[in-house]
Amino acid sequence: EVVVAGDFDVVDGLREGLRLGFIIEPTSAVVFKALRELKPSG
């Protein structure tokens, strides 16, 4: 599947990454949108 992330999702993702100890750039932060939206299992 393909998920679409906007700027607000990037900011949320950066915060989430830091809470988990990951110092990532804005491009990397979009992955958290997919985790929130799809909640992949397994």
Full PDB file with SEQRES, HELIX, SHEET, SSBOND, CRYST1, ORIGX, SCALE, CONECT and MASTER records, all heavy atoms in Angstrom:
SEQRES   1 A   42  GLU VAL VAL VAL ALA GLY ASP PHE ASP VAL VAL ASP GLY          
SEQRES   2 A   42  LEU ARG GLU GLY LEU ARG LEU GLY PHE ILE ILE GLU PRO          
SEQRES   3 A   42  THR SER ALA VAL VAL PHE LYS ALA LEU ARG GLU LEU LYS          
SEQRES   4 A   42  PRO SER GLY                                                  
HELIX    1 AA1 ASP A    7  ARG A   19  1                                  13    
HELIX    2 AA2 PRO A   26  ALA A   29  1                                   4    
HELIX    3 AA3 VAL A   31  LEU A   38  1                                   8    
CRYST1    1.000    1.000    1.000  90.00  90.00  90.00 P 1           1          
ORIGX1      1.000000  0.000000  0.000000        0.00000                         
ORIGX2      0.000000  1.000000  0.000000        0.00000                         
ORIGX3      0.000000  0.000000  1.000000        0.00000                         
SCALE1      1.000000  0.000000  0.000000        0.00000                         
SCALE2      0.000000  1.000000  0.000000        0.00000                         
SCALE3      0.000000  0.000000  1.000000        0.00000                         
ATOM      1  N   GLU A   1       0.847  -1.181   0.000  1.00  0.00           N  
ATOM      2  CA  GLU A   1       0.000   0.000   0.000  1.00  0.00           C  
ATOM      3  C   GLU A   1       0.888   1.239   0.000  1.00  0.00           C  
ATOM      4  O   GLU A   1       2.074   1.180   0.337  1.00  0.00           O  
ATOM      5  CB  GLU A   1      -0.901  -0.006   1.244  1.00  0.00           C  
ATOM      6  CG  GLU A   1      -1.899   1.133   1.334  1.00  0.00           C  
ATOM      7  CD  GLU A   1      -2.808   1.255   0.106  1.00  0.00           C  
ATOM      8  OE1 GLU A   1      -2.335   1.875  -0.875  1.00  0.00           O  
ATOM      9  OE2 GLU A   1      -3.938   0.743   0.138  1.00  0.00           O  
ATOM     10  N   VAL A   2       0.295   2.365  -0.394  1.00  0.00           N  
ATOM     11  CA  VAL A   2       0.977   3.657  -0.367  1.00  0.00           C  
ATOM     12  C   VAL A   2       0.166   4.610   0.503  1.00  0.00           C  
ATOM     13  O   VAL A   2      -1.049   4.725   0.340  1.00  0.00           O  
ATOM     14  CB  VAL A   2       1.145   4.245  -1.780  1.00  0.00           C  
ATOM     15  CG1 VAL A   2       1.827   5.607  -1.715  1.00  0.00           C  
ATOM     16  CG2 VAL A   2       1.946   3.300  -2.666  1.00  0.00           C  
ATOM     17  N   VAL A   3       0.849   5.263   1.419  1.00  0.00           N  
ATOM     18  CA  VAL A   3       0.248   6.231   2.332  1.00  0.00           C  
ATOM     19  C   VAL A   3       0.818   7.609   1.999  1.00  0.00           C  
ATOM     20  O   VAL A   3       1.969   7.722   1.564  1.00  0.00           O  
ATOM     21  CB  VAL A   3       0.566   5.856   3.798  1.00  0.00           C  
ATOM     22  CG1 VAL A   3       0.119   6.934   4.769  1.00  0.00           C  
ATOM     23  CG2 VAL A   3      -0.075   4.511   4.153  1.00  0.00           C  
ATOM     24  N   VAL A   4       0.020   8.652   2.194  1.00  0.00           N  
ATOM     25  CA  VAL A   4       0.459  10.020   1.889  1.00  0.00           C  
ATOM     26  C   VAL A   4       0.629  10.800   3.192  1.00  0.00           C  
ATOM     27  O   VAL A   4      -0.250  10.778   4.064  1.00  0.00           O  
ATOM     28  CB  VAL A   4      -0.557  10.730   0.977  1.00  0.00           C  
ATOM     29  CG1 VAL A   4      -0.108  12.162   0.691  1.00  0.00           C  
ATOM     30  CG2 VAL A   4      -0.741   9.952  -0.318  1.00  0.00           C  
ATOM     31  N   ALA A   5       1.757  11.490   3.335  1.00  0.00           N  
ATOM     32  CA  ALA A   5       2.055  12.264   4.540  1.00  0.00           C  
ATOM     33  C   ALA A   5       2.259  13.732   4.185  1.00  0.00           C  
ATOM     34  O   ALA A   5       2.909  14.054   3.182  1.00  0.00           O  
ATOM     35  CB  ALA A   5       3.304  11.716   5.227  1.00  0.00           C  
ATOM     36  N   GLY A   6       1.710  14.607   5.018  1.00  0.00           N  
ATOM     37  CA  GLY A   6       1.893  16.045   4.849  1.00  0.00           C  
ATOM     38  C   GLY A   6       2.852  16.603   5.880  1.00  0.00           C  
ATOM     39  O   GLY A   6       3.442  15.867   6.677  1.00  0.00           O  
ATOM     40  N   ASP A   7       2.983  17.915   5.901  1.00  0.00           N  
ATOM     41  CA  ASP A   7       3.949  18.547   6.802  1.00  0.00           C  
ATOM     42  C   ASP A   7       3.621  18.310   8.275  1.00  0.00           C  
ATOM     43  O   ASP A   7       4.532  18.118   9.093  1.00  0.00           O  
ATOM     44  CB  ASP A   7       4.021  20.048   6.513  1.00  0.00           C  
ATOM     45  CG  ASP A   7       4.818  20.361   5.250  1.00  0.00           C  
ATOM     46  OD1 ASP A   7       5.492  19.449   4.737  1.00  0.00           O  
ATOM     47  OD2 ASP A   7       4.757  21.519   4.781  1.00  0.00           O  
ATOM     48  N   PHE A   8       2.341  18.326   8.644  1.00  0.00           N  
ATOM     49  CA  PHE A   8       1.985  18.058  10.041  1.00  0.00           C  
ATOM     50  C   PHE A   8       2.407  16.649  10.440  1.00  0.00           C  
ATOM     51  O   PHE A   8       2.844  16.405  11.572  1.00  0.00           O  
ATOM     52  CB  PHE A   8       0.481  18.246  10.268  1.00  0.00           C  
ATOM     53  CG  PHE A   8       0.060  19.690  10.289  1.00  0.00           C  
ATOM     54  CD1 PHE A   8      -0.733  20.209   9.274  1.00  0.00           C  
ATOM     55  CD2 PHE A   8       0.460  20.536  11.315  1.00  0.00           C  
ATOM     56  CE1 PHE A   8      -1.124  21.544   9.276  1.00  0.00           C  
ATOM     57  CE2 PHE A   8       0.077  21.874  11.331  1.00  0.00           C  
ATOM     58  CZ  PHE A   8      -0.716  22.381  10.308  1.00  0.00           C  
ATOM     59  N   ASP A   9       2.283  15.707   9.509  1.00  0.00           N  
ATOM     60  CA  ASP A   9       2.705  14.335   9.783  1.00  0.00           C  
ATOM     61  C   ASP A   9       4.214  14.260   9.987  1.00  0.00           C  
ATOM     62  O   ASP A   9       4.700  13.459  10.796  1.00  0.00           O  
ATOM     63  CB  ASP A   9       2.304  13.418   8.626  1.00  0.00           C  
ATOM     64  CG  ASP A   9       0.809  13.391   8.394  1.00  0.00           C  
ATOM     65  OD1 ASP A   9       0.057  13.199   9.368  1.00  0.00           O  
ATOM     66  OD2 ASP A   9       0.393  13.571   7.228  1.00  0.00           O  
ATOM     67  N   VAL A  10       4.940  15.075   9.255  1.00  0.00           N  
ATOM     68  CA  VAL A  10       6.394  15.111   9.409  1.00  0.00           C  
ATOM     69  C   VAL A  10       6.774  15.578  10.807  1.00  0.00           C  
ATOM     70  O   VAL A  10       7.616  14.967  11.485  1.00  0.00           O  
ATOM     71  CB  VAL A  10       7.035  16.017   8.345  1.00  0.00           C  
ATOM     72  CG1 VAL A  10       8.513  16.263   8.659  1.00  0.00           C  
ATOM     73  CG2 VAL A  10       6.890  15.400   6.966  1.00  0.00           C  
ATOM     74  N   VAL A  11       6.156  16.669  11.263  1.00  0.00           N  
ATOM     75  CA  VAL A  11       6.468  17.203  12.595  1.00  0.00           C  
ATOM     76  C   VAL A  11       6.110  16.179  13.669  1.00  0.00           C  
ATOM     77  O   VAL A  11       6.894  15.932  14.601  1.00  0.00           O  
ATOM     78  CB  VAL A  11       5.735  18.540  12.821  1.00  0.00           C  
ATOM     79  CG1 VAL A  11       5.952  19.029  14.247  1.00  0.00           C  
ATOM     80  CG2 VAL A  11       6.225  19.585  11.825  1.00  0.00           C  
ATOM     81  N   ASP A  12       4.943  15.568  13.544  1.00  0.00           N  
ATOM     82  CA  ASP A  12       4.552  14.522  14.501  1.00  0.00           C  
ATOM     83  C   ASP A  12       5.550  13.368  14.476  1.00  0.00           C  
ATOM     84  O   ASP A  12       5.907  12.813  15.519  1.00  0.00           O  
ATOM     85  CB  ASP A  12       3.155  13.996  14.170  1.00  0.00           C  
ATOM     86  CG  ASP A  12       2.055  14.983  14.531  1.00  0.00           C  
ATOM     87  OD1 ASP A  12       2.336  15.931  15.297  1.00  0.00           O  
ATOM     88  OD2 ASP A  12       0.916  14.811  14.049  1.00  0.00           O  
ATOM     89  N   GLY A  13       5.984  12.995  13.282  1.00  0.00           N  
ATOM     90  CA  GLY A  13       6.929  11.895  13.151  1.00  0.00           C  
ATOM     91  C   GLY A  13       8.286  12.206  13.745  1.00  0.00           C  
ATOM     92  O   GLY A  13       8.937  11.333  14.342  1.00  0.00           O  
ATOM     93  N   LEU A  14       8.746  13.448  13.593  1.00  0.00           N  
ATOM     94  CA  LEU A  14      10.010  13.839  14.211  1.00  0.00           C  
ATOM     95  C   LEU A  14       9.937  13.726  15.725  1.00  0.00           C  
ATOM     96  O   LEU A  14      10.873  13.230  16.376  1.00  0.00           O  
ATOM     97  CB  LEU A  14      10.367  15.273  13.808  1.00  0.00           C  
ATOM     98  CG  LEU A  14      10.818  15.486  12.366  1.00  0.00           C  
ATOM     99  CD1 LEU A  14      10.893  16.976  12.048  1.00  0.00           C  
ATOM    100  CD2 LEU A  14      12.170  14.822  12.106  1.00  0.00           C  
ATOM    101  N   ARG A  15       8.820  14.180  16.293  1.00  0.00           N  
ATOM    102  CA  ARG A  15       8.637  14.074  17.747  1.00  0.00           C  
ATOM    103  C   ARG A  15       8.592  12.609  18.184  1.00  0.00           C  
ATOM    104  O   ARG A  15       9.198  12.228  19.192  1.00  0.00           O  
ATOM    105  CB  ARG A  15       7.351  14.787  18.173  1.00  0.00           C  
ATOM    106  CG  ARG A  15       7.406  16.304  18.052  1.00  0.00           C  
ATOM    107  CD  ARG A  15       6.291  16.950  18.869  1.00  0.00           C  
ATOM    108  NE  ARG A  15       6.368  18.397  18.798  1.00  0.00           N  
ATOM    109  CZ  ARG A  15       5.600  19.167  18.037  1.00  0.00           C  
ATOM    110  NH1 ARG A  15       4.683  18.612  17.266  1.00  0.00           N  
ATOM    111  NH2 ARG A  15       5.740  20.481  18.048  1.00  0.00           N  
ATOM    112  N   GLU A  16       7.851  11.787  17.428  1.00  0.00           N  
ATOM    113  CA  GLU A  16       7.745  10.373  17.766  1.00  0.00           C  
ATOM    114  C   GLU A  16       9.106   9.698  17.674  1.00  0.00           C  
ATOM    115  O   GLU A  16       9.471   8.884  18.526  1.00  0.00           O  
ATOM    116  CB  GLU A  16       6.749   9.683  16.828  1.00  0.00           C  
ATOM    117  CG  GLU A  16       6.503   8.218  17.125  1.00  0.00           C  
ATOM    118  CD  GLU A  16       5.801   7.993  18.462  1.00  0.00           C  
ATOM    119  OE1 GLU A  16       5.269   8.958  19.051  1.00  0.00           O  
ATOM    120  OE2 GLU A  16       5.801   6.835  18.908  1.00  0.00           O  
ATOM    121  N   GLY A  17       9.866  10.032  16.635  1.00  0.00           N  
ATOM    122  CA  GLY A  17      11.198   9.468  16.500  1.00  0.00           C  
ATOM    123  C   GLY A  17      12.090   9.804  17.680  1.00  0.00           C  
ATOM    124  O   GLY A  17      12.792   8.932  18.215  1.00  0.00           O  
ATOM    125  N   LEU A  18      12.064  11.051  18.119  1.00  0.00           N  
ATOM    126  CA  LEU A  18      12.887  11.451  19.258  1.00  0.00           C  
ATOM    127  C   LEU A  18      12.449  10.742  20.536  1.00  0.00           C  
ATOM    128  O   LEU A  18      13.292  10.374  21.366  1.00  0.00           O  
ATOM    129  CB  LEU A  18      12.821  12.968  19.437  1.00  0.00           C  
ATOM    130  CG  LEU A  18      13.558  13.790  18.377  1.00  0.00           C  
ATOM    131  CD1 LEU A  18      13.293  15.274  18.559  1.00  0.00           C  
ATOM    132  CD2 LEU A  18      15.063  13.508  18.417  1.00  0.00           C  
ATOM    133  N   ARG A  19      11.153  10.541  20.700  1.00  0.00           N  
ATOM    134  CA  ARG A  19      10.678   9.807  21.885  1.00  0.00           C  
ATOM    135  C   ARG A  19      11.226   8.383  21.914  1.00  0.00           C  
ATOM    136  O   ARG A  19      11.402   7.797  22.982  1.00  0.00           O  
ATOM    137  CB  ARG A  19       9.146   9.789  21.919  1.00  0.00           C  
ATOM    138  CG  ARG A  19       8.510  11.087  22.401  1.00  0.00           C  
ATOM    139  CD  ARG A  19       7.043  10.922  22.732  1.00  0.00           C  
ATOM    140  NE  ARG A  19       6.231  10.759  21.541  1.00  0.00           N  
ATOM    141  CZ  ARG A  19       5.625  11.761  20.901  1.00  0.00           C  
ATOM    142  NH1 ARG A  19       5.776  13.012  21.339  1.00  0.00           N  
ATOM    143  NH2 ARG A  19       4.887  11.534  19.827  1.00  0.00           N  
ATOM    144  N   LEU A  20      11.489   7.835  20.730  1.00  0.00           N  
ATOM    145  CA  LEU A  20      12.025   6.481  20.643  1.00  0.00           C  
ATOM    146  C   LEU A  20      13.557   6.470  20.591  1.00  0.00           C  
ATOM    147  O   LEU A  20      14.173   5.402  20.529  1.00  0.00           O  
ATOM    148  CB  LEU A  20      11.477   5.782  19.392  1.00  0.00           C  
ATOM    149  CG  LEU A  20       9.966   5.565  19.358  1.00  0.00           C  
ATOM    150  CD1 LEU A  20       9.540   4.962  18.024  1.00  0.00           C  
ATOM    151  CD2 LEU A  20       9.529   4.644  20.505  1.00  0.00           C  
ATOM    152  N   GLY A  21      14.164   7.664  20.590  1.00  0.00           N  
ATOM    153  CA  GLY A  21      15.616   7.767  20.586  1.00  0.00           C  
ATOM    154  C   GLY A  21      16.242   7.871  19.217  1.00  0.00           C  
ATOM    155  O   GLY A  21      17.462   7.724  19.071  1.00  0.00           O  
ATOM    156  N   PHE A  22      15.426   8.163  18.175  1.00  0.00           N  
ATOM    157  CA  PHE A  22      15.930   8.206  16.807  1.00  0.00           C  
ATOM    158  C   PHE A  22      16.074   9.654  16.337  1.00  0.00           C  
ATOM    159  O   PHE A  22      15.081  10.392  16.264  1.00  0.00           O  
ATOM    160  CB  PHE A  22      14.981   7.475  15.857  1.00  0.00           C  
ATOM    161  CG  PHE A  22      14.725   6.039  16.235  1.00  0.00           C  
ATOM    162  CD1 PHE A  22      13.441   5.521  16.211  1.00  0.00           C  
ATOM    163  CD2 PHE A  22      15.769   5.209  16.617  1.00  0.00           C  
ATOM    164  CE1 PHE A  22      13.199   4.196  16.552  1.00  0.00           C  
ATOM    165  CE2 PHE A  22      15.540   3.880  16.963  1.00  0.00           C  
ATOM    166  CZ  PHE A  22      14.253   3.371  16.931  1.00  0.00           C  
ATOM    167  N   ILE A  23      17.297  10.058  16.016  1.00  0.00           N  
ATOM    168  CA  ILE A  23      17.547  11.412  15.513  1.00  0.00           C  
ATOM    169  C   ILE A  23      17.510  11.341  13.989  1.00  0.00           C  
ATOM    170  O   ILE A  23      18.526  11.097  13.324  1.00  0.00           O  
ATOM    171  CB  ILE A  23      18.894  11.954  16.018  1.00  0.00           C  
ATOM    172  CG1 ILE A  23      18.933  11.930  17.543  1.00  0.00           C  
ATOM    173  CG2 ILE A  23      19.122  13.383  15.511  1.00  0.00           C  
ATOM    174  CD1 ILE A  23      20.269  12.328  18.137  1.00  0.00           C  
ATOM    175  N   ILE A  24      16.335  11.535  13.421  1.00  0.00           N  
ATOM    176  CA  ILE A  24      16.114  11.352  11.994  1.00  0.00           C  
ATOM    177  C   ILE A  24      15.741  12.673  11.336  1.00  0.00           C  
ATOM    178  O   ILE A  24      15.317  13.628  12.002  1.00  0.00           O  
ATOM    179  CB  ILE A  24      15.003  10.306  11.728  1.00  0.00           C  
ATOM    180  CG1 ILE A  24      13.734  10.677  12.493  1.00  0.00           C  
ATOM    181  CG2 ILE A  24      15.495   8.911  12.114  1.00  0.00           C  
ATOM    182  CD1 ILE A  24      12.545   9.781  12.202  1.00  0.00           C  
ATOM    183  N   GLU A  25      15.880  12.707  10.017  1.00  0.00           N  
ATOM    184  CA  GLU A  25      15.535  13.904   9.263  1.00  0.00           C  
ATOM    185  C   GLU A  25      14.044  13.874   8.890  1.00  0.00           C  
ATOM    186  O   GLU A  25      13.383  12.830   9.012  1.00  0.00           O  
ATOM    187  CB  GLU A  25      16.403  14.025   8.021  1.00  0.00           C  
ATOM    188  CG  GLU A  25      16.156  12.956   6.977  1.00  0.00           C  
ATOM    189  CD  GLU A  25      17.049  13.137   5.755  1.00  0.00           C  
ATOM    190  OE1 GLU A  25      17.931  14.012   5.776  1.00  0.00           O  
ATOM    191  OE2 GLU A  25      16.860  12.393   4.786  1.00  0.00           O  
ATOM    192  N   PRO A  26      13.500  15.012   8.420  1.00  0.00           N  
ATOM    193  CA  PRO A  26      12.068  15.063   8.087  1.00  0.00           C  
ATOM    194  C   PRO A  26      11.614  13.997   7.100  1.00  0.00           C  
ATOM    195  O   PRO A  26      10.514  13.451   7.240  1.00  0.00           O  
ATOM    196  CB  PRO A  26      11.910  16.473   7.511  1.00  0.00           C  
ATOM    197  CG  PRO A  26      12.926  17.279   8.251  1.00  0.00           C  
ATOM    198  CD  PRO A  26      14.101  16.369   8.398  1.00  0.00           C  
ATOM    199  N   THR A  27      12.422  13.664   6.101  1.00  0.00           N  
ATOM    200  CA  THR A  27      12.011  12.641   5.137  1.00  0.00           C  
ATOM    201  C   THR A  27      11.772  11.302   5.818  1.00  0.00           C  
ATOM    202  O   THR A  27      10.814  10.586   5.510  1.00  0.00           O  
ATOM    203  CB  THR A  27      13.078  12.494   4.034  1.00  0.00           C  
ATOM    204  OG1 THR A  27      13.190  13.733   3.330  1.00  0.00           O  
ATOM    205  CG2 THR A  27      12.710  11.390   3.058  1.00  0.00           C  
ATOM    206  N   SER A  28      12.634  10.930   6.747  1.00  0.00           N  
ATOM    207  CA  SER A  28      12.471   9.662   7.466  1.00  0.00           C  
ATOM    208  C   SER A  28      11.226   9.656   8.335  1.00  0.00           C  
ATOM    209  O   SER A  28      10.619   8.606   8.554  1.00  0.00           O  
ATOM    210  CB  SER A  28      13.689   9.394   8.352  1.00  0.00           C  
ATOM    211  OG  SER A  28      14.833   9.135   7.593  1.00  0.00           O  
ATOM    212  N   ALA A  29      10.850  10.818   8.844  1.00  0.00           N  
ATOM    213  CA  ALA A  29       9.767  10.896   9.822  1.00  0.00           C  
ATOM    214  C   ALA A  29       8.408  10.520   9.255  1.00  0.00           C  
ATOM    215  O   ALA A  29       7.471  10.232  10.004  1.00  0.00           O  
ATOM    216  CB  ALA A  29       9.717  12.312  10.411  1.00  0.00           C  
ATOM    217  N   VAL A  30       8.267  10.493   7.919  1.00  0.00           N  
ATOM    218  CA  VAL A  30       6.953  10.188   7.331  1.00  0.00           C  
ATOM    219  C   VAL A  30       6.495   8.765   7.625  1.00  0.00           C  
ATOM    220  O   VAL A  30       5.301   8.461   7.532  1.00  0.00           O  
ATOM    221  CB  VAL A  30       6.949  10.432   5.801  1.00  0.00           C  
ATOM    222  CG1 VAL A  30       7.263  11.877   5.480  1.00  0.00           C  
ATOM    223  CG2 VAL A  30       7.892   9.482   5.072  1.00  0.00           C  
ATOM    224  N   VAL A  31       7.426   7.866   7.977  1.00  0.00           N  
ATOM    225  CA  VAL A  31       7.039   6.464   8.186  1.00  0.00           C  
ATOM    226  C   VAL A  31       6.046   6.314   9.331  1.00  0.00           C  
ATOM    227  O   VAL A  31       5.230   5.375   9.340  1.00  0.00           O  
ATOM    228  CB  VAL A  31       8.270   5.578   8.442  1.00  0.00           C  
ATOM    229  CG1 VAL A  31       9.155   5.517   7.201  1.00  0.00           C  
ATOM    230  CG2 VAL A  31       9.067   6.052   9.648  1.00  0.00           C  
ATOM    231  N   PHE A  32       6.085   7.227  10.283  1.00  0.00           N  
ATOM    232  CA  PHE A  32       5.184   7.110  11.433  1.00  0.00           C  
ATOM    233  C   PHE A  32       3.731   7.337  11.030  1.00  0.00           C  
ATOM    234  O   PHE A  32       2.815   6.849  11.696  1.00  0.00           O  
ATOM    235  CB  PHE A  32       5.612   8.063  12.552  1.00  0.00           C  
ATOM    236  CG  PHE A  32       6.909   7.648  13.194  1.00  0.00           C  
ATOM    237  CD1 PHE A  32       8.111   8.239  12.824  1.00  0.00           C  
ATOM    238  CD2 PHE A  32       6.928   6.648  14.151  1.00  0.00           C  
ATOM    239  CE1 PHE A  32       9.303   7.847  13.409  1.00  0.00           C  
ATOM    240  CE2 PHE A  32       8.113   6.240  14.745  1.00  0.00           C  
ATOM    241  CZ  PHE A  32       9.313   6.840  14.361  1.00  0.00           C  
ATOM    242  N   LYS A  33       3.498   8.071   9.923  1.00  0.00           N  
ATOM    243  CA  LYS A  33       2.139   8.238   9.417  1.00  0.00           C  
ATOM    244  C   LYS A  33       1.564   6.881   9.012  1.00  0.00           C  
ATOM    245  O   LYS A  33       0.397   6.566   9.291  1.00  0.00           O  
ATOM    246  CB  LYS A  33       2.143   9.197   8.220  1.00  0.00           C  
ATOM    247  CG  LYS A  33       0.804   9.283   7.463  1.00  0.00           C  
ATOM    248  CD  LYS A  33      -0.301   9.908   8.315  1.00  0.00           C  
ATOM    249  CE  LYS A  33      -1.635  10.009   7.573  1.00  0.00           C  
ATOM    250  NZ  LYS A  33      -1.589  10.838   6.360  1.00  0.00           N  
ATOM    251  N   ALA A  34       2.372   6.052   8.361  1.00  0.00           N  
ATOM    252  CA  ALA A  34       1.899   4.731   7.939  1.00  0.00           C  
ATOM    253  C   ALA A  34       1.608   3.837   9.140  1.00  0.00           C  
ATOM    254  O   ALA A  34       0.632   3.069   9.146  1.00  0.00           O  
ATOM    255  CB  ALA A  34       2.936   4.070   7.030  1.00  0.00           C  
ATOM    256  N   LEU A  35       2.433   3.927  10.175  1.00  0.00           N  
ATOM    257  CA  LEU A  35       2.196   3.110  11.370  1.00  0.00           C  
ATOM    258  C   LEU A  35       0.894   3.517  12.048  1.00  0.00           C  
ATOM    259  O   LEU A  35       0.126   2.663  12.515  1.00  0.00           O  
ATOM    260  CB  LEU A  35       3.372   3.236  12.341  1.00  0.00           C  
ATOM    261  CG  LEU A  35       4.738   2.749  11.827  1.00  0.00           C  
ATOM    262  CD1 LEU A  35       5.796   2.901  12.902  1.00  0.00           C  
ATOM    263  CD2 LEU A  35       4.645   1.307  11.357  1.00  0.00           C  
ATOM    264  N   ARG A  36       0.622   4.828  12.097  1.00  0.00           N  
ATOM    265  CA  ARG A  36      -0.621   5.299  12.721  1.00  0.00           C  
ATOM    266  C   ARG A  36      -1.839   4.943  11.880  1.00  0.00           C  
ATOM    267  O   ARG A  36      -2.885   4.547  12.403  1.00  0.00           O  
ATOM    268  CB  ARG A  36      -0.567   6.821  12.923  1.00  0.00           C  
ATOM    269  CG  ARG A  36       0.386   7.289  14.004  1.00  0.00           C  
ATOM    270  CD  ARG A  36       0.142   8.752  14.361  1.00  0.00           C  
ATOM    271  NE  ARG A  36       0.303   9.634  13.206  1.00  0.00           N  
ATOM    272  CZ  ARG A  36       1.457  10.185  12.847  1.00  0.00           C  
ATOM    273  NH1 ARG A  36       2.552   9.927  13.537  1.00  0.00           N  
ATOM    274  NH2 ARG A  36       1.526  10.984  11.799  1.00  0.00           N  
ATOM    275  N   GLU A  37      -1.704   5.097  10.555  1.00  0.00           N  
ATOM    276  CA  GLU A  37      -2.864   4.929   9.685  1.00  0.00           C  
ATOM    277  C   GLU A  37      -3.203   3.463   9.441  1.00  0.00           C  
ATOM    278  O   GLU A  37      -4.380   3.080   9.463  1.00  0.00           O  
ATOM    279  CB  GLU A  37      -2.599   5.621   8.342  1.00  0.00           C  
ATOM    280  CG  GLU A  37      -3.783   5.604   7.394  1.00  0.00           C  
ATOM    281  CD  GLU A  37      -3.556   6.476   6.178  1.00  0.00           C  
ATOM    282  OE1 GLU A  37      -3.131   7.651   6.353  1.00  0.00           O  
ATOM    283  OE2 GLU A  37      -3.789   6.002   5.048  1.00  0.00           O  
ATOM    284  N   LEU A  38      -2.207   2.633   9.207  1.00  0.00           N  
ATOM    285  CA  LEU A  38      -2.449   1.235   8.823  1.00  0.00           C  
ATOM    286  C   LEU A  38      -2.331   0.257   9.983  1.00  0.00           C  
ATOM    287  O   LEU A  38      -2.873  -0.852   9.918  1.00  0.00           O  
ATOM    288  CB  LEU A  38      -1.493   0.822   7.706  1.00  0.00           C  
ATOM    289  CG  LEU A  38      -1.591   1.607   6.399  1.00  0.00           C  
ATOM    290  CD1 LEU A  38      -0.615   1.048   5.373  1.00  0.00           C  
ATOM    291  CD2 LEU A  38      -3.009   1.584   5.839  1.00  0.00           C  
ATOM    292  N   LYS A  39      -1.570   0.647  11.015  1.00  0.00           N  
ATOM    293  CA  LYS A  39      -1.349  -0.234  12.173  1.00  0.00           C  
ATOM    294  C   LYS A  39      -1.007  -1.665  11.716  1.00  0.00           C  
ATOM    295  O   LYS A  39      -1.728  -2.625  12.022  1.00  0.00           O  
ATOM    296  CB  LYS A  39      -2.581  -0.256  13.081  1.00  0.00           C  
ATOM    297  CG  LYS A  39      -2.926   1.102  13.691  1.00  0.00           C  
ATOM    298  CD  LYS A  39      -4.162   1.032  14.559  1.00  0.00           C  
ATOM    299  CE  LYS A  39      -4.437   2.345  15.263  1.00  0.00           C  
ATOM    300  NZ  LYS A  39      -4.645   3.476  14.331  1.00  0.00           N  
ATOM    301  N   PRO A  40       0.079  -1.824  10.961  1.00  0.00           N  
ATOM    302  CA  PRO A  40       0.411  -3.148  10.424  1.00  0.00           C  
ATOM    303  C   PRO A  40       0.654  -4.170  11.521  1.00  0.00           C  
ATOM    304  O   PRO A  40       1.291  -3.876  12.534  1.00  0.00           O  
ATOM    305  CB  PRO A  40       1.693  -2.886   9.615  1.00  0.00           C  
ATOM    306  CG  PRO A  40       2.259  -1.626  10.177  1.00  0.00           C  
ATOM    307  CD  PRO A  40       1.093  -0.807  10.615  1.00  0.00           C  
ATOM    308  N   SER A  41       0.111  -5.362  11.336  1.00  0.00           N  
ATOM    309  CA  SER A  41       0.272  -6.432  12.316  1.00  0.00           C  
ATOM    310  C   SER A  41       1.301  -7.430  11.822  1.00  0.00           C  
ATOM    311  O   SER A  41       1.649  -7.466  10.636  1.00  0.00           O  
ATOM    312  CB  SER A  41      -1.064  -7.135  12.553  1.00  0.00           C  
ATOM    313  OG  SER A  41      -1.560  -7.675  11.342  1.00  0.00           O  
ATOM    314  N   GLY A  42       1.803  -8.262  12.723  1.00  0.00           N  
ATOM    315  CA  GLY A  42       2.835  -9.216  12.365  1.00  0.00           C  
ATOM    316  C   GLY A  42       4.206  -8.574  12.407  1.00  0.00           C  
ATOM    317  O   GLY A  42       4.386  -7.443  12.877  1.00  0.00           O  
TER     318      GLY A  42                                                      
MASTER        0    0    0    3    0    0    0    6  317    1    0    4          
END                                                                             
